[in-house]
């Protein structure tokens, strides 16, 4: 069983970041049918595998209210999650489809859509409390996968560790005491996949390591 969170891992009504709150209001005016709010974690609350992305995408999670759903980055992510047995389907279509994650949960370092997909340091720091609380729910022997350098650094900050001791690198591994294994991957963004900075075999190799760690 997971440890109960002492503090919330998500607040649907959070407006602590003025720039993000104002931006969401403006996007909602332009797209009234979009979700336009802090996006909740998605998946198994007792999962041993936590995937941490950067922030919701404009026409993805900000529209659908589910992480990595409705944008290009989610295509490779959900296909790979499914191929390695962590979900019931290879495609996440909407927040009300029948997809279920198995021993897996997806969250973001920043829960609200930032302008140009670039949160500023103060916004990452403000949202870091939610991430820290979510990491506290993981049982020993879990795996956390950081998608990209910003997510990685947010995790290290949430754990109260020194950044210099845990440098981001694709496929890098970081043991977090006896609590869990932190793995890094380049983000599965359109830019990274189109430029071949991240290839499908590279991404699958990281997931194979997750599977090996959880099911030796």
C-alpha atoms as a PDB file:
ATOM      1  CA  UNK A   1       0.000   0.000   0.000  1.00  0.00           C
ATOM      2  CA  UNK A   2       1.167   3.553  -0.624  1.00  0.00           C
ATOM      3  CA  UNK A   3       1.704   6.015   2.146  1.00  0.00           C
ATOM      4  CA  UNK A   4      -1.121   8.561   2.398  1.00  0.00           C
ATOM      5  CA  UNK A   5      -0.212  12.041   1.231  1.00  0.00           C
ATOM      6  CA  UNK A   6      -0.007  14.461   4.126  1.00  0.00           C
ATOM      7  CA  UNK A   7      -0.745  17.343   1.778  1.00  0.00           C
ATOM      8  CA  UNK A   8      -2.665  17.527  -1.513  1.00  0.00           C
ATOM      9  CA  UNK A   9      -0.988  16.464  -4.752  1.00  0.00           C
ATOM     10  CA  UNK A  10      -3.369  18.620  -6.808  1.00  0.00           C
ATOM     11  CA  UNK A  11      -5.727  21.593  -6.403  1.00  0.00           C
ATOM     12  CA  UNK A  12      -8.283  22.160  -9.155  1.00  0.00           C
ATOM     13  CA  UNK A  13      -8.871  25.721  -7.936  1.00  0.00           C
ATOM     14  CA  UNK A  14      -5.229  26.728  -7.578  1.00  0.00           C
ATOM     15  CA  UNK A  15      -4.409  30.226  -8.878  1.00  0.00           C
ATOM     16  CA  UNK A  16      -1.168  30.821  -7.015  1.00  0.00           C
ATOM     17  CA  UNK A  17       0.734  31.815 -10.165  1.00  0.00           C
ATOM     18  CA  UNK A  18      -0.728  35.105 -11.489  1.00  0.00           C
ATOM     19  CA  UNK A  19       0.840  34.789 -14.948  1.00  0.00           C
ATOM     20  CA  UNK A  20      -0.482  31.261 -15.457  1.00  0.00           C
ATOM     21  CA  UNK A  21      -3.918  32.054 -14.046  1.00  0.00           C
ATOM     22  CA  UNK A  22      -4.271  35.058 -16.335  1.00  0.00           C
ATOM     23  CA  UNK A  23      -3.069  33.090 -19.334  1.00  0.00           C
ATOM     24  CA  UNK A  24      -5.585  30.302 -18.667  1.00  0.00           C
ATOM     25  CA  UNK A  25      -8.369  32.873 -18.455  1.00  0.00           C
ATOM     26  CA  UNK A  26      -7.332  34.285 -21.834  1.00  0.00           C
ATOM     27  CA  UNK A  27      -7.163  30.835 -23.426  1.00  0.00           C
ATOM     28  CA  UNK A  28     -10.588  29.970 -21.992  1.00  0.00           C
ATOM     29  CA  UNK A  29     -12.046  33.097 -23.588  1.00  0.00           C
ATOM     30  CA  UNK A  30     -10.618  32.006 -26.943  1.00  0.00           C
ATOM     31  CA  UNK A  31     -11.485  28.317 -26.517  1.00  0.00           C
ATOM     32  CA  UNK A  32     -14.593  28.076 -24.280  1.00  0.00           C
ATOM     33  CA  UNK A  33     -14.770  24.305 -24.667  1.00  0.00           C
ATOM     34  CA  UNK A  34     -11.221  23.755 -23.354  1.00  0.00           C
ATOM     35  CA  UNK A  35     -10.579  22.551 -19.795  1.00  0.00           C
ATOM     36  CA  UNK A  36      -8.156  25.428 -19.010  1.00  0.00           C
ATOM     37  CA  UNK A  37      -7.206  24.637 -15.430  1.00  0.00           C
ATOM     38  CA  UNK A  38      -4.657  22.767 -13.345  1.00  0.00           C
ATOM     39  CA  UNK A  39      -4.464  19.264 -14.840  1.00  0.00           C
ATOM     40  CA  UNK A  40      -4.737  16.413 -12.331  1.00  0.00           C
ATOM     41  CA  UNK A  41      -2.484  13.353 -12.258  1.00  0.00           C
ATOM     42  CA  UNK A  42      -3.879  10.417 -14.213  1.00  0.00           C
ATOM     43  CA  UNK A  43      -3.623   6.731 -13.423  1.00  0.00           C
ATOM     44  CA  UNK A  44      -3.331   4.237 -10.600  1.00  0.00           C
ATOM     45  CA  UNK A  45      -3.169   6.012  -7.207  1.00  0.00           C
ATOM     46  CA  UNK A  46      -1.156   3.073  -5.836  1.00  0.00           C
ATOM     47  CA  UNK A  47       1.209   2.909  -8.823  1.00  0.00           C
ATOM     48  CA  UNK A  48       4.854   1.995  -8.404  1.00  0.00           C
ATOM     49  CA  UNK A  49       5.687   3.754 -11.683  1.00  0.00           C
ATOM     50  CA  UNK A  50       5.292   7.545 -11.801  1.00  0.00           C
ATOM     51  CA  UNK A  51       5.936   9.472 -15.021  1.00  0.00           C
ATOM     52  CA  UNK A  52       6.633  13.186 -14.601  1.00  0.00           C
ATOM     53  CA  UNK A  53       6.254  15.510 -17.567  1.00  0.00           C
ATOM     54  CA  UNK A  54       6.838  19.242 -17.786  1.00  0.00           C
ATOM     55  CA  UNK A  55       3.416  20.915 -18.135  1.00  0.00           C
ATOM     56  CA  UNK A  56       0.115  20.575 -20.033  1.00  0.00           C
ATOM     57  CA  UNK A  57       0.156  21.318 -23.759  1.00  0.00           C
ATOM     58  CA  UNK A  58      -2.084  24.013 -25.210  1.00  0.00           C
ATOM     59  CA  UNK A  59      -4.233  21.696 -27.345  1.00  0.00           C
ATOM     60  CA  UNK A  60      -3.440  18.523 -25.387  1.00  0.00           C
ATOM     61  CA  UNK A  61      -3.953  18.237 -21.640  1.00  0.00           C
ATOM     62  CA  UNK A  62      -5.080  21.867 -21.368  1.00  0.00           C
ATOM     63  CA  UNK A  63      -7.935  20.943 -23.697  1.00  0.00           C
ATOM     64  CA  UNK A  64      -8.725  17.412 -22.516  1.00  0.00           C
ATOM     65  CA  UNK A  65      -7.770  17.570 -18.792  1.00  0.00           C
ATOM     66  CA  UNK A  66      -5.656  14.399 -19.051  1.00  0.00           C
ATOM     67  CA  UNK A  67      -1.834  14.513 -19.213  1.00  0.00           C
ATOM     68  CA  UNK A  68      -0.361  13.937 -22.689  1.00  0.00           C
ATOM     69  CA  UNK A  69      -3.802  13.454 -24.241  1.00  0.00           C
ATOM     70  CA  UNK A  70      -4.606  15.204 -27.493  1.00  0.00           C
ATOM     71  CA  UNK A  71      -1.099  16.245 -28.493  1.00  0.00           C
ATOM     72  CA  UNK A  72       1.820  14.757 -30.414  1.00  0.00           C
ATOM     73  CA  UNK A  73       3.908  13.930 -27.345  1.00  0.00           C
ATOM     74  CA  UNK A  74       1.229  11.591 -26.072  1.00  0.00           C
ATOM     75  CA  UNK A  75       1.296   9.361 -29.163  1.00  0.00           C
ATOM     76  CA  UNK A  76       4.681   7.790 -28.447  1.00  0.00           C
ATOM     77  CA  UNK A  77       4.185   7.906 -24.687  1.00  0.00           C
ATOM     78  CA  UNK A  78       0.897   6.004 -24.566  1.00  0.00           C
ATOM     79  CA  UNK A  79       1.990   3.518 -27.233  1.00  0.00           C
ATOM     80  CA  UNK A  80       5.083   2.701 -25.187  1.00  0.00           C
ATOM     81  CA  UNK A  81       3.192   2.543 -21.907  1.00  0.00           C
ATOM     82  CA  UNK A  82       0.855   0.013 -23.508  1.00  0.00           C
ATOM     83  CA  UNK A  83       3.600  -2.037 -25.133  1.00  0.00           C
ATOM     84  CA  UNK A  84       5.259  -2.545 -21.751  1.00  0.00           C
ATOM     85  CA  UNK A  85       2.063  -3.597 -20.000  1.00  0.00           C
ATOM     86  CA  UNK A  86       1.268  -0.430 -18.063  1.00  0.00           C
ATOM     87  CA  UNK A  87      -2.091   0.360 -19.706  1.00  0.00           C
ATOM     88  CA  UNK A  88      -5.161  -1.197 -21.269  1.00  0.00           C
ATOM     89  CA  UNK A  89      -4.914   0.664 -24.592  1.00  0.00           C
ATOM     90  CA  UNK A  90      -2.262   2.174 -26.835  1.00  0.00           C
ATOM     91  CA  UNK A  91      -4.028   5.489 -27.390  1.00  0.00           C
ATOM     92  CA  UNK A  92      -5.399   8.082 -24.986  1.00  0.00           C
ATOM     93  CA  UNK A  93      -8.247   9.827 -26.773  1.00  0.00           C
ATOM     94  CA  UNK A  94     -10.081  11.782 -24.078  1.00  0.00           C
ATOM     95  CA  UNK A  95     -10.513  12.048 -20.321  1.00  0.00           C
ATOM     96  CA  UNK A  96     -13.695   9.977 -20.475  1.00  0.00           C
ATOM     97  CA  UNK A  97     -12.494   7.077 -22.628  1.00  0.00           C
ATOM     98  CA  UNK A  98     -12.022   3.615 -21.127  1.00  0.00           C
ATOM     99  CA  UNK A  99      -8.222   3.709 -20.930  1.00  0.00           C
ATOM    100  CA  UNK A 100      -6.775   2.615 -17.597  1.00  0.00           C
ATOM    101  CA  UNK A 101      -3.160   2.774 -16.488  1.00  0.00           C
ATOM    102  CA  UNK A 102      -1.833  -0.301 -14.700  1.00  0.00           C
ATOM    103  CA  UNK A 103       0.648   0.249 -11.843  1.00  0.00           C
ATOM    104  CA  UNK A 104       1.416   3.559 -13.552  1.00  0.00           C
ATOM    105  CA  UNK A 105       0.517   7.217 -13.044  1.00  0.00           C
ATOM    106  CA  UNK A 106       1.307  10.336 -15.075  1.00  0.00           C
ATOM    107  CA  UNK A 107       1.715  13.805 -13.598  1.00  0.00           C
ATOM    108  CA  UNK A 108       3.416  17.092 -14.487  1.00  0.00           C
ATOM    109  CA  UNK A 109       5.980  19.231 -12.723  1.00  0.00           C
ATOM    110  CA  UNK A 110       3.775  22.250 -13.485  1.00  0.00           C
ATOM    111  CA  UNK A 111       0.050  21.563 -13.472  1.00  0.00           C
ATOM    112  CA  UNK A 112      -1.065  24.583 -15.556  1.00  0.00           C
ATOM    113  CA  UNK A 113      -0.437  25.506 -19.180  1.00  0.00           C
ATOM    114  CA  UNK A 114       2.418  28.051 -19.445  1.00  0.00           C
ATOM    115  CA  UNK A 115       2.779  30.545 -22.307  1.00  0.00           C
ATOM    116  CA  UNK A 116       4.963  29.100 -25.077  1.00  0.00           C
ATOM    117  CA  UNK A 117       5.252  25.882 -23.029  1.00  0.00           C
ATOM    118  CA  UNK A 118       7.859  27.616 -20.832  1.00  0.00           C
ATOM    119  CA  UNK A 119       7.105  28.005 -17.128  1.00  0.00           C
ATOM    120  CA  UNK A 120       9.333  30.430 -15.248  1.00  0.00           C
ATOM    121  CA  UNK A 121      11.317  29.433 -12.188  1.00  0.00           C
ATOM    122  CA  UNK A 122       8.859  30.914  -9.704  1.00  0.00           C
ATOM    123  CA  UNK A 123       6.008  28.893 -11.236  1.00  0.00           C
ATOM    124  CA  UNK A 124       7.997  25.662 -11.127  1.00  0.00           C
ATOM    125  CA  UNK A 125       8.862  26.371  -7.499  1.00  0.00           C
ATOM    126  CA  UNK A 126       5.272  27.170  -6.523  1.00  0.00           C
ATOM    127  CA  UNK A 127       3.976  23.947  -8.059  1.00  0.00           C
ATOM    128  CA  UNK A 128       6.852  21.950  -6.583  1.00  0.00           C
ATOM    129  CA  UNK A 129       4.970  21.407  -3.334  1.00  0.00           C
ATOM    130  CA  UNK A 130       2.353  19.328  -5.165  1.00  0.00           C
ATOM    131  CA  UNK A 131       5.079  17.231  -6.788  1.00  0.00           C
ATOM    132  CA  UNK A 132       6.853  16.724  -3.466  1.00  0.00           C
ATOM    133  CA  UNK A 133       3.611  15.546  -1.895  1.00  0.00           C
ATOM    134  CA  UNK A 134       3.004  13.140  -4.764  1.00  0.00           C
ATOM    135  CA  UNK A 135       6.493  11.661  -4.492  1.00  0.00           C
ATOM    136  CA  UNK A 136       5.802  11.028  -0.814  1.00  0.00           C
ATOM    137  CA  UNK A 137       2.975   8.659  -1.758  1.00  0.00           C
ATOM    138  CA  UNK A 138       5.299   6.232  -3.541  1.00  0.00           C
ATOM    139  CA  UNK A 139       6.167   2.979  -1.838  1.00  0.00           C
ATOM    140  CA  UNK A 140       9.730   1.744  -1.593  1.00  0.00           C
ATOM    141  CA  UNK A 141      10.986   0.090  -4.749  1.00  0.00           C
ATOM    142  CA  UNK A 142       9.072   2.384  -7.102  1.00  0.00           C
ATOM    143  CA  UNK A 143      10.361   4.038 -10.291  1.00  0.00           C
ATOM    144  CA  UNK A 144      10.028   7.694 -11.262  1.00  0.00           C
ATOM    145  CA  UNK A 145      10.614   8.641 -14.907  1.00  0.00           C
ATOM    146  CA  UNK A 146      11.501  12.267 -15.625  1.00  0.00           C
ATOM    147  CA  UNK A 147      10.614  13.383 -19.139  1.00  0.00           C
ATOM    148  CA  UNK A 148      13.098  16.152 -19.828  1.00  0.00           C
ATOM    149  CA  UNK A 149      15.546  18.223 -17.848  1.00  0.00           C
ATOM    150  CA  UNK A 150      13.026  20.583 -16.252  1.00  0.00           C
ATOM    151  CA  UNK A 151      10.969  17.699 -14.888  1.00  0.00           C
ATOM    152  CA  UNK A 152      14.156  16.061 -13.640  1.00  0.00           C
ATOM    153  CA  UNK A 153      15.294  19.185 -11.808  1.00  0.00           C
ATOM    154  CA  UNK A 154      11.820  19.690 -10.330  1.00  0.00           C
ATOM    155  CA  UNK A 155      11.967  16.163  -8.916  1.00  0.00           C
ATOM    156  CA  UNK A 156      15.414  16.721  -7.425  1.00  0.00           C
ATOM    157  CA  UNK A 157      14.212  19.977  -5.848  1.00  0.00           C
ATOM    158  CA  UNK A 158      11.081  18.286  -4.496  1.00  0.00           C
ATOM    159  CA  UNK A 159      13.285  15.681  -2.836  1.00  0.00           C
ATOM    160  CA  UNK A 160      15.531  18.320  -1.286  1.00  0.00           C
ATOM    161  CA  UNK A 161      18.617  16.928  -3.029  1.00  0.00           C
ATOM    162  CA  UNK A 162      21.578  18.701  -4.635  1.00  0.00           C
ATOM    163  CA  UNK A 163      21.213  19.246  -8.367  1.00  0.00           C
ATOM    164  CA  UNK A 164      24.962  18.842  -8.839  1.00  0.00           C
ATOM    165  CA  UNK A 165      24.796  15.326  -7.460  1.00  0.00           C
ATOM    166  CA  UNK A 166      22.024  14.255  -9.869  1.00  0.00           C
ATOM    167  CA  UNK A 167      22.702  15.563 -13.377  1.00  0.00           C
ATOM    168  CA  UNK A 168      20.089  14.977 -16.071  1.00  0.00           C
ATOM    169  CA  UNK A 169      20.992  12.739 -18.993  1.00  0.00           C
ATOM    170  CA  UNK A 170      18.995  10.468 -21.256  1.00  0.00           C
ATOM    171  CA  UNK A 171      18.810   6.969 -19.703  1.00  0.00           C
ATOM    172  CA  UNK A 172      20.643   8.195 -16.601  1.00  0.00           C
ATOM    173  CA  UNK A 173      19.732   6.473 -13.336  1.00  0.00           C
ATOM    174  CA  UNK A 174      19.670   8.015  -9.872  1.00  0.00           C
ATOM    175  CA  UNK A 175      19.077   5.970  -6.730  1.00  0.00           C
ATOM    176  CA  UNK A 176      17.056   7.976  -4.211  1.00  0.00           C
ATOM    177  CA  UNK A 177      18.093   6.435  -0.894  1.00  0.00           C
ATOM    178  CA  UNK A 178      16.033   3.291  -0.436  1.00  0.00           C
ATOM    179  CA  UNK A 179      12.876   4.951  -1.731  1.00  0.00           C
ATOM    180  CA  UNK A 180      12.863   4.650  -5.504  1.00  0.00           C
ATOM    181  CA  UNK A 181      14.861   4.749  -8.722  1.00  0.00           C
ATOM    182  CA  UNK A 182      14.788   7.955 -10.752  1.00  0.00           C
ATOM    183  CA  UNK A 183      15.256   7.451 -14.494  1.00  0.00           C
ATOM    184  CA  UNK A 184      15.709  10.204 -17.079  1.00  0.00           C
ATOM    185  CA  UNK A 185      14.562  10.439 -20.673  1.00  0.00           C
ATOM    186  CA  UNK A 186      14.510  13.143 -23.261  1.00  0.00           C
ATOM    187  CA  UNK A 187      10.977  14.483 -23.518  1.00  0.00           C
ATOM    188  CA  UNK A 188       8.820  12.776 -26.144  1.00  0.00           C
ATOM    189  CA  UNK A 189       7.969  16.124 -27.751  1.00  0.00           C
ATOM    190  CA  UNK A 190       7.378  16.600 -31.458  1.00  0.00           C
ATOM    191  CA  UNK A 191      10.647  18.530 -31.743  1.00  0.00           C
ATOM    192  CA  UNK A 192      12.722  15.801 -30.090  1.00  0.00           C
ATOM    193  CA  UNK A 193      11.180  12.974 -32.097  1.00  0.00           C
ATOM    194  CA  UNK A 194      11.266  14.861 -35.422  1.00  0.00           C
ATOM    195  CA  UNK A 195      14.919  15.797 -34.970  1.00  0.00           C
ATOM    196  CA  UNK A 196      15.727  12.244 -33.853  1.00  0.00           C
ATOM    197  CA  UNK A 197      17.164  13.486 -30.593  1.00  0.00           C
ATOM    198  CA  UNK A 198      14.786  10.907 -29.147  1.00  0.00           C
ATOM    199  CA  UNK A 199      14.055   7.817 -31.218  1.00  0.00           C
ATOM    200  CA  UNK A 200      11.486   5.144 -30.526  1.00  0.00           C
ATOM    201  CA  UNK A 201      14.191   2.539 -29.662  1.00  0.00           C
ATOM    202  CA  UNK A 202      15.804   5.005 -27.226  1.00  0.00           C
ATOM    203  CA  UNK A 203      12.475   5.595 -25.504  1.00  0.00           C
ATOM    204  CA  UNK A 204      11.622   1.901 -25.394  1.00  0.00           C
ATOM    205  CA  UNK A 205      14.993   1.108 -23.832  1.00  0.00           C
ATOM    206  CA  UNK A 206      14.124   3.344 -20.883  1.00  0.00           C
ATOM    207  CA  UNK A 207      10.796   1.588 -20.421  1.00  0.00           C
ATOM    208  CA  UNK A 208      12.504  -1.778 -20.635  1.00  0.00           C
ATOM    209  CA  UNK A 209      14.676  -0.674 -17.734  1.00  0.00           C
ATOM    210  CA  UNK A 210      11.562   0.336 -15.777  1.00  0.00           C
ATOM    211  CA  UNK A 211      10.056  -3.086 -16.373  1.00  0.00           C
ATOM    212  CA  UNK A 212      13.290  -4.820 -15.391  1.00  0.00           C
ATOM    213  CA  UNK A 213      13.503  -2.850 -12.150  1.00  0.00           C
ATOM    214  CA  UNK A 214       9.885  -3.442 -11.129  1.00  0.00           C
ATOM    215  CA  UNK A 215       9.774  -7.077 -12.222  1.00  0.00           C
ATOM    216  CA  UNK A 216      13.315  -8.493 -11.920  1.00  0.00           C
END
